[in-house]
Structures are given as C-alpha cells and as structure tokens.
Amino acid sequence: MVVFVVLSLFQGARVTRRMGRIWPAAETMGGADRAAVVRATRRGEAIGDPRLAPSVVEYAGALRRAAEEDRPHLRVVLLVTVLALALAVHDTLTGSMGEIIVSWLMVALLVADLVWWPRGRARLLARADRAEASARP
C-alpha cells in the first residue's frame, strides 16, 4: 500500500510539472477554460468557444510531445516489470501470503500498463488530432 501511495504522489507531481513545461499556456487560462480545452481535445470534439481553438491546437501538440518523451521510458517500465516478476516468484517461494498477493498484483498492474497504455495513447492522440483539425481555420 505504501508503494502505491508513494508512486501516486511521485507520478502526480511528475505529470503536473511536465504538462506545465510542455503546455505553458495553461497557466494563464482560467480553470473552466482549461478544463474545456482538455475535455474537447481528449474526446476529439470540436471546441464550442472559438477563442479557445488556439489552445486546443497547443494542447494537442503538448500531448504529442509528451508521447514522444515517454517512448524511452518503455524500457524502464519493462525492466521494472521483469524485476517485479522475479520478486513475485521469490515471494511465492519464500514469502507470506500477503507478500505473495501484493507481488503478483504489482506484476499484473505492470503488465496491464505495458499492454493497455500504448493502445490508449494511440486512441488519445487520434482524438487529439481530430480536435486539432476541427480547431484549425
């Protein structure tokens, strides 16, 4: 449980800092406008407010840059998955039932991340492209 809390805090801080770096215009927008831009872009919808169209284009570009930055991290996630698998096997042979359950749960989550996230990212980027195309004049 401690691992999930620590990783969640770390990941949340990392994502916030990274999106602030690759989409700096978000800091000057109001919360409702920023939410509308993110919602429309992630859903692949046209933005209702024409003054927010440039922000949709910027955010779609930020999502593409984030995806490009994440490509090298795939090797790290793969390495962590292999290490978690080795630890789960070790825990199965020597650990308590609680350790076994947690270890195999971590392996399942990491494998799910390796399988699910690339497809999810591709769908997200396709929707961002649609939103961007509808926002361009």
N, C-alpha and C. Protein backbone atom coordinates (compact mmCIF):
# COMPACT_ATOMS: atom_id res chain seq x y z
N MET A 1 0.83 -1.19 0.00
CA MET A 1 0.00 0.00 0.00
C MET A 1 0.87 1.26 0.00
N VAL A 2 1.95 1.21 0.75
CA VAL A 2 2.86 2.35 0.81
C VAL A 2 3.43 2.63 -0.58
N VAL A 3 3.75 1.57 -1.30
CA VAL A 3 4.30 1.74 -2.65
C VAL A 3 3.31 2.48 -3.54
N PHE A 4 2.03 2.12 -3.47
CA PHE A 4 1.01 2.77 -4.31
C PHE A 4 0.90 4.25 -3.96
N VAL A 5 0.93 4.58 -2.68
CA VAL A 5 0.82 5.98 -2.25
C VAL A 5 2.02 6.77 -2.74
N VAL A 6 3.21 6.23 -2.53
CA VAL A 6 4.43 6.93 -2.94
C VAL A 6 4.47 7.10 -4.46
N LEU A 7 4.18 6.03 -5.19
CA LEU A 7 4.18 6.12 -6.65
C LEU A 7 3.12 7.09 -7.16
N SER A 8 1.96 7.10 -6.53
CA SER A 8 0.90 8.03 -6.95
C SER A 8 1.32 9.47 -6.74
N LEU A 9 1.91 9.76 -5.60
CA LEU A 9 2.38 11.12 -5.33
C LEU A 9 3.48 11.52 -6.31
N PHE A 10 4.41 10.61 -6.54
CA PHE A 10 5.51 10.88 -7.48
C PHE A 10 4.99 11.10 -8.89
N GLN A 11 4.12 10.22 -9.34
CA GLN A 11 3.58 10.32 -10.70
C GLN A 11 2.75 11.59 -10.86
N GLY A 12 1.94 11.91 -9.88
CA GLY A 12 1.13 13.13 -9.95
C GLY A 12 1.98 14.37 -10.06
N ALA A 13 3.02 14.45 -9.25
CA ALA A 13 3.92 15.61 -9.30
C ALA A 13 4.66 15.66 -10.63
N ARG A 14 5.08 14.51 -11.13
CA ARG A 14 5.83 14.46 -12.40
C ARG A 14 4.95 14.91 -13.57
N VAL A 15 3.73 14.41 -13.61
CA VAL A 15 2.82 14.77 -14.70
C VAL A 15 2.48 16.27 -14.65
N THR A 16 2.24 16.79 -13.46
CA THR A 16 1.92 18.20 -13.33
C THR A 16 3.07 19.07 -13.81
N ARG A 17 4.28 18.75 -13.39
CA ARG A 17 5.44 19.54 -13.81
C ARG A 17 5.68 19.42 -15.32
N ARG A 18 5.55 18.21 -15.84
CA ARG A 18 5.81 18.02 -17.26
C ARG A 18 4.78 18.75 -18.12
N MET A 19 3.50 18.64 -17.78
CA MET A 19 2.48 19.33 -18.57
C MET A 19 2.64 20.84 -18.45
N GLY A 20 3.07 21.32 -17.28
CA GLY A 20 3.35 22.75 -17.15
C GLY A 20 4.48 23.19 -18.06
N ARG A 21 5.45 22.32 -18.27
CA ARG A 21 6.58 22.62 -19.14
C ARG A 21 6.20 22.55 -20.62
N ILE A 22 5.42 21.54 -21.01
CA ILE A 22 5.14 21.39 -22.44
C ILE A 22 3.86 22.10 -22.88
N TRP A 23 3.05 22.57 -21.94
CA TRP A 23 1.86 23.37 -22.27
C TRP A 23 1.80 24.56 -21.32
N PRO A 24 2.76 25.49 -21.44
CA PRO A 24 2.84 26.61 -20.50
C PRO A 24 1.64 27.56 -20.57
N ALA A 25 0.95 27.60 -21.69
CA ALA A 25 -0.20 28.50 -21.83
C ALA A 25 -1.32 28.15 -20.86
N ALA A 26 -1.32 26.94 -20.35
CA ALA A 26 -2.38 26.51 -19.43
C ALA A 26 -2.37 27.33 -18.15
N GLU A 27 -1.20 27.80 -17.75
CA GLU A 27 -1.10 28.56 -16.51
C GLU A 27 -1.81 29.90 -16.59
N THR A 28 -1.96 30.45 -17.78
CA THR A 28 -2.61 31.74 -17.93
C THR A 28 -4.11 31.62 -18.16
N MET A 29 -4.58 30.40 -18.31
CA MET A 29 -6.01 30.18 -18.58
C MET A 29 -6.77 29.98 -17.27
N GLY A 30 -8.02 30.33 -17.28
CA GLY A 30 -8.88 30.04 -16.14
C GLY A 30 -9.18 28.55 -16.07
N GLY A 31 -9.59 28.10 -14.91
CA GLY A 31 -9.84 26.68 -14.72
C GLY A 31 -10.91 26.13 -15.65
N ALA A 32 -12.00 26.87 -15.84
CA ALA A 32 -13.09 26.39 -16.69
C ALA A 32 -12.65 26.31 -18.15
N ASP A 33 -11.89 27.31 -18.61
CA ASP A 33 -11.40 27.29 -20.00
C ASP A 33 -10.41 26.15 -20.20
N ARG A 34 -9.49 25.99 -19.24
CA ARG A 34 -8.50 24.91 -19.34
C ARG A 34 -9.21 23.55 -19.37
N ALA A 35 -10.21 23.38 -18.52
CA ALA A 35 -10.95 22.11 -18.48
C ALA A 35 -11.69 21.87 -19.80
N ALA A 36 -12.25 22.94 -20.37
CA ALA A 36 -12.97 22.79 -21.64
C ALA A 36 -12.02 22.38 -22.76
N VAL A 37 -10.83 22.97 -22.78
CA VAL A 37 -9.83 22.64 -23.80
C VAL A 37 -9.39 21.19 -23.65
N VAL A 38 -9.07 20.79 -22.42
CA VAL A 38 -8.61 19.42 -22.18
C VAL A 38 -9.71 18.43 -22.53
N ARG A 39 -10.92 18.72 -22.11
CA ARG A 39 -12.05 17.81 -22.38
C ARG A 39 -12.27 17.63 -23.88
N ALA A 40 -12.35 18.74 -24.60
CA ALA A 40 -12.59 18.67 -26.05
C ALA A 40 -11.45 17.94 -26.76
N THR A 41 -10.22 18.24 -26.38
CA THR A 41 -9.07 17.63 -27.05
C THR A 41 -9.00 16.14 -26.77
N ARG A 42 -9.19 15.75 -25.52
CA ARG A 42 -9.10 14.33 -25.16
C ARG A 42 -10.27 13.53 -25.72
N ARG A 43 -11.39 14.18 -25.94
CA ARG A 43 -12.54 13.47 -26.52
C ARG A 43 -12.55 13.52 -28.04
N GLY A 44 -11.72 14.38 -28.62
CA GLY A 44 -11.68 14.51 -30.08
C GLY A 44 -12.83 15.33 -30.62
N GLU A 45 -13.36 16.23 -29.80
CA GLU A 45 -14.52 17.03 -30.18
C GLU A 45 -14.11 18.44 -30.58
N ALA A 46 -14.98 19.09 -31.31
CA ALA A 46 -14.77 20.50 -31.65
C ALA A 46 -15.01 21.32 -30.38
N ILE A 47 -14.20 22.34 -30.21
CA ILE A 47 -14.37 23.23 -29.07
C ILE A 47 -15.50 24.20 -29.39
N GLY A 48 -16.38 24.42 -28.46
CA GLY A 48 -17.53 25.28 -28.71
C GLY A 48 -17.18 26.76 -28.79
N ASP A 49 -16.16 27.16 -28.07
CA ASP A 49 -15.77 28.57 -27.98
C ASP A 49 -14.60 28.84 -28.94
N PRO A 50 -14.79 29.65 -29.98
CA PRO A 50 -13.73 29.86 -30.97
C PRO A 50 -12.45 30.49 -30.39
N ARG A 51 -12.59 31.25 -29.31
CA ARG A 51 -11.39 31.87 -28.72
C ARG A 51 -10.47 30.83 -28.08
N LEU A 52 -11.00 29.61 -27.82
CA LEU A 52 -10.20 28.54 -27.23
C LEU A 52 -9.57 27.62 -28.27
N ALA A 53 -9.89 27.84 -29.54
CA ALA A 53 -9.35 26.99 -30.61
C ALA A 53 -7.82 26.95 -30.62
N PRO A 54 -7.12 28.09 -30.48
CA PRO A 54 -5.65 28.00 -30.44
C PRO A 54 -5.13 27.16 -29.27
N SER A 55 -5.84 27.19 -28.17
CA SER A 55 -5.42 26.39 -27.02
C SER A 55 -5.59 24.90 -27.29
N VAL A 56 -6.62 24.53 -28.06
CA VAL A 56 -6.79 23.12 -28.43
C VAL A 56 -5.61 22.67 -29.28
N VAL A 57 -5.20 23.52 -30.22
CA VAL A 57 -4.05 23.19 -31.07
C VAL A 57 -2.79 23.04 -30.21
N GLU A 58 -2.59 23.97 -29.27
CA GLU A 58 -1.41 23.89 -28.40
C GLU A 58 -1.44 22.64 -27.52
N TYR A 59 -2.60 22.33 -26.95
CA TYR A 59 -2.70 21.16 -26.08
C TYR A 59 -2.51 19.86 -26.85
N ALA A 60 -3.05 19.78 -28.06
CA ALA A 60 -2.85 18.59 -28.89
C ALA A 60 -1.35 18.40 -29.17
N GLY A 61 -0.66 19.48 -29.46
CA GLY A 61 0.78 19.41 -29.67
C GLY A 61 1.51 18.98 -28.40
N ALA A 62 1.05 19.45 -27.25
CA ALA A 62 1.65 19.06 -25.97
C ALA A 62 1.47 17.57 -25.72
N LEU A 63 0.30 17.04 -26.06
CA LEU A 63 0.07 15.60 -25.89
C LEU A 63 1.00 14.79 -26.79
N ARG A 64 1.23 15.26 -28.01
CA ARG A 64 2.15 14.56 -28.91
C ARG A 64 3.58 14.61 -28.37
N ARG A 65 4.00 15.79 -27.86
CA ARG A 65 5.34 15.90 -27.28
C ARG A 65 5.49 14.99 -26.06
N ALA A 66 4.46 14.91 -25.23
CA ALA A 66 4.50 14.04 -24.05
C ALA A 66 4.64 12.58 -24.48
N ALA A 67 3.93 12.20 -25.53
CA ALA A 67 4.01 10.82 -26.02
C ALA A 67 5.42 10.51 -26.54
N GLU A 68 6.02 11.47 -27.22
CA GLU A 68 7.39 11.27 -27.72
C GLU A 68 8.38 11.16 -26.57
N GLU A 69 8.19 11.97 -25.53
CA GLU A 69 9.08 11.91 -24.37
C GLU A 69 8.95 10.59 -23.62
N ASP A 70 7.78 9.97 -23.68
CA ASP A 70 7.54 8.72 -22.96
C ASP A 70 8.13 7.50 -23.64
N ARG A 71 8.46 7.59 -24.90
CA ARG A 71 8.96 6.41 -25.61
C ARG A 71 10.19 5.78 -24.95
N PRO A 72 11.20 6.55 -24.55
CA PRO A 72 12.36 5.91 -23.90
C PRO A 72 12.02 5.28 -22.55
N HIS A 73 10.97 5.72 -21.92
CA HIS A 73 10.61 5.18 -20.61
C HIS A 73 10.02 3.78 -20.69
N LEU A 74 9.67 3.33 -21.88
CA LEU A 74 9.12 1.98 -22.05
C LEU A 74 10.12 0.93 -21.57
N ARG A 75 11.39 1.16 -21.86
CA ARG A 75 12.42 0.20 -21.42
C ARG A 75 12.49 0.13 -19.91
N VAL A 76 12.32 1.27 -19.26
CA VAL A 76 12.36 1.29 -17.79
C VAL A 76 11.18 0.51 -17.22
N VAL A 77 9.99 0.73 -17.79
CA VAL A 77 8.81 0.00 -17.31
C VAL A 77 8.98 -1.49 -17.56
N LEU A 78 9.54 -1.85 -18.69
CA LEU A 78 9.78 -3.26 -18.99
C LEU A 78 10.77 -3.87 -17.99
N LEU A 79 11.83 -3.15 -17.67
CA LEU A 79 12.80 -3.62 -16.69
C LEU A 79 12.16 -3.78 -15.31
N VAL A 80 11.37 -2.80 -14.90
CA VAL A 80 10.69 -2.87 -13.61
C VAL A 80 9.73 -4.05 -13.58
N THR A 81 9.07 -4.33 -14.70
CA THR A 81 8.15 -5.46 -14.78
C THR A 81 8.90 -6.78 -14.61
N VAL A 82 10.04 -6.91 -15.27
CA VAL A 82 10.84 -8.13 -15.14
C VAL A 82 11.32 -8.30 -13.70
N LEU A 83 11.77 -7.21 -13.08
CA LEU A 83 12.21 -7.28 -11.68
C LEU A 83 11.05 -7.63 -10.75
N ALA A 84 9.88 -7.05 -11.01
CA ALA A 84 8.70 -7.37 -10.20
C ALA A 84 8.31 -8.83 -10.36
N LEU A 85 8.44 -9.35 -11.57
CA LEU A 85 8.15 -10.77 -11.81
C LEU A 85 9.11 -11.65 -11.02
N ALA A 86 10.39 -11.32 -11.05
CA ALA A 86 11.38 -12.08 -10.29
C ALA A 86 11.08 -12.02 -8.79
N LEU A 87 10.72 -10.84 -8.31
CA LEU A 87 10.38 -10.69 -6.89
C LEU A 87 9.13 -11.49 -6.54
N ALA A 88 8.14 -11.50 -7.44
CA ALA A 88 6.91 -12.25 -7.19
C ALA A 88 7.20 -13.75 -7.11
N VAL A 89 8.07 -14.24 -7.98
CA VAL A 89 8.44 -15.66 -7.92
C VAL A 89 9.16 -15.94 -6.60
N HIS A 90 10.08 -15.08 -6.23
CA HIS A 90 10.80 -15.24 -4.96
C HIS A 90 9.83 -15.22 -3.78
N ASP A 91 8.92 -14.25 -3.79
CA ASP A 91 7.94 -14.17 -2.70
C ASP A 91 7.04 -15.40 -2.65
N THR A 92 6.72 -15.94 -3.81
CA THR A 92 5.88 -17.14 -3.87
C THR A 92 6.59 -18.31 -3.18
N LEU A 93 7.89 -18.38 -3.34
CA LEU A 93 8.66 -19.48 -2.76
C LEU A 93 8.99 -19.27 -1.28
N THR A 94 9.15 -18.00 -0.87
CA THR A 94 9.65 -17.75 0.49
C THR A 94 8.79 -16.82 1.32
N GLY A 95 7.86 -16.12 0.73
CA GLY A 95 7.15 -15.07 1.46
C GLY A 95 5.85 -15.51 2.09
N SER A 96 5.26 -14.56 2.78
CA SER A 96 3.95 -14.80 3.39
C SER A 96 2.87 -14.62 2.33
N MET A 97 1.65 -15.00 2.68
CA MET A 97 0.54 -14.89 1.73
C MET A 97 0.33 -13.43 1.32
N GLY A 98 0.45 -12.51 2.26
CA GLY A 98 0.28 -11.10 1.94
C GLY A 98 1.31 -10.61 0.94
N GLU A 99 2.57 -11.00 1.15
CA GLU A 99 3.64 -10.61 0.21
C GLU A 99 3.40 -11.20 -1.17
N ILE A 100 2.94 -12.43 -1.20
CA ILE A 100 2.67 -13.09 -2.49
C ILE A 100 1.57 -12.34 -3.25
N ILE A 101 0.51 -12.02 -2.56
CA ILE A 101 -0.61 -11.32 -3.21
C ILE A 101 -0.18 -9.97 -3.73
N VAL A 102 0.53 -9.20 -2.91
CA VAL A 102 0.98 -7.86 -3.32
C VAL A 102 1.95 -7.95 -4.49
N SER A 103 2.87 -8.90 -4.43
CA SER A 103 3.85 -9.04 -5.52
C SER A 103 3.19 -9.36 -6.85
N TRP A 104 2.27 -10.32 -6.83
CA TRP A 104 1.60 -10.69 -8.08
C TRP A 104 0.64 -9.60 -8.55
N LEU A 105 0.08 -8.86 -7.63
CA LEU A 105 -0.75 -7.71 -8.01
C LEU A 105 0.09 -6.66 -8.73
N MET A 106 1.28 -6.40 -8.23
CA MET A 106 2.18 -5.44 -8.90
C MET A 106 2.53 -5.94 -10.32
N VAL A 107 2.83 -7.22 -10.44
CA VAL A 107 3.14 -7.77 -11.76
C VAL A 107 1.95 -7.58 -12.70
N ALA A 108 0.76 -7.89 -12.21
CA ALA A 108 -0.44 -7.73 -13.04
C ALA A 108 -0.64 -6.28 -13.47
N LEU A 109 -0.45 -5.36 -12.56
CA LEU A 109 -0.62 -3.93 -12.90
C LEU A 109 0.43 -3.47 -13.91
N LEU A 110 1.65 -3.91 -13.73
CA LEU A 110 2.71 -3.51 -14.66
C LEU A 110 2.47 -4.11 -16.05
N VAL A 111 2.07 -5.37 -16.10
CA VAL A 111 1.77 -5.99 -17.40
C VAL A 111 0.58 -5.30 -18.06
N ALA A 112 -0.43 -4.99 -17.26
CA ALA A 112 -1.59 -4.26 -17.81
C ALA A 112 -1.15 -2.92 -18.37
N ASP A 113 -0.24 -2.24 -17.68
CA ASP A 113 0.26 -0.96 -18.17
C ASP A 113 1.00 -1.13 -19.49
N LEU A 114 1.80 -2.17 -19.60
CA LEU A 114 2.54 -2.41 -20.84
C LEU A 114 1.62 -2.74 -22.00
N VAL A 115 0.52 -3.41 -21.72
CA VAL A 115 -0.41 -3.83 -22.78
C VAL A 115 -1.41 -2.73 -23.09
N TRP A 116 -1.98 -2.12 -22.05
CA TRP A 116 -3.07 -1.16 -22.23
C TRP A 116 -2.58 0.21 -22.69
N TRP A 117 -1.54 0.74 -22.09
CA TRP A 117 -1.18 2.13 -22.32
C TRP A 117 -0.83 2.45 -23.76
N PRO A 118 -0.07 1.66 -24.50
CA PRO A 118 0.22 2.02 -25.90
C PRO A 118 -1.05 2.19 -26.75
N ARG A 119 -2.01 1.29 -26.56
CA ARG A 119 -3.27 1.42 -27.31
C ARG A 119 -4.06 2.63 -26.85
N GLY A 120 -4.09 2.85 -25.55
CA GLY A 120 -4.80 4.01 -25.00
C GLY A 120 -4.18 5.31 -25.49
N ARG A 121 -2.84 5.36 -25.53
CA ARG A 121 -2.16 6.56 -26.01
C ARG A 121 -2.46 6.79 -27.48
N ALA A 122 -2.48 5.73 -28.28
CA ALA A 122 -2.77 5.88 -29.71
C ALA A 122 -4.18 6.43 -29.92
N ARG A 123 -5.14 5.93 -29.15
CA ARG A 123 -6.52 6.45 -29.25
C ARG A 123 -6.58 7.91 -28.82
N LEU A 124 -5.89 8.25 -27.74
CA LEU A 124 -5.87 9.62 -27.25
C LEU A 124 -5.28 10.56 -28.30
N LEU A 125 -4.17 10.18 -28.91
CA LEU A 125 -3.54 11.02 -29.92
C LEU A 125 -4.41 11.16 -31.16
N ALA A 126 -5.12 10.10 -31.54
CA ALA A 126 -6.04 10.18 -32.68
C ALA A 126 -7.17 11.17 -32.38
N ARG A 127 -7.71 11.11 -31.16
CA ARG A 127 -8.77 12.06 -30.79
C ARG A 127 -8.22 13.49 -30.73
N ALA A 128 -7.01 13.66 -30.24
CA ALA A 128 -6.40 14.99 -30.19
C ALA A 128 -6.21 15.53 -31.61
N ASP A 129 -5.81 14.67 -32.54
CA ASP A 129 -5.66 15.10 -33.94
C ASP A 129 -7.00 15.57 -34.51
N ARG A 130 -8.09 14.84 -34.19
CA ARG A 130 -9.42 15.25 -34.67
C ARG A 130 -9.81 16.60 -34.09
N ALA A 131 -9.58 16.79 -32.80
CA ALA A 131 -9.92 18.06 -32.15
C ALA A 131 -9.09 19.19 -32.73
N GLU A 132 -7.82 18.92 -32.96
CA GLU A 132 -6.94 19.94 -33.54
C GLU A 132 -7.40 20.31 -34.95
N ALA A 133 -7.75 19.32 -35.75
CA ALA A 133 -8.20 19.59 -37.12
C ALA A 133 -9.49 20.43 -37.10
N SER A 134 -10.37 20.16 -36.16
CA SER A 134 -11.61 20.94 -36.10
C SER A 134 -11.37 22.36 -35.56
N ALA A 135 -10.28 22.55 -34.82
CA ALA A 135 -9.98 23.86 -34.26
C ALA A 135 -9.23 24.77 -35.23
N ARG A 136 -8.62 24.18 -36.22
CA ARG A 136 -7.87 25.00 -37.21
C ARG A 136 -8.85 25.64 -38.19
N PRO A 137 -8.55 26.87 -38.58
CA PRO A 137 -9.45 27.57 -39.53
C PRO A 137 -9.46 26.97 -40.91
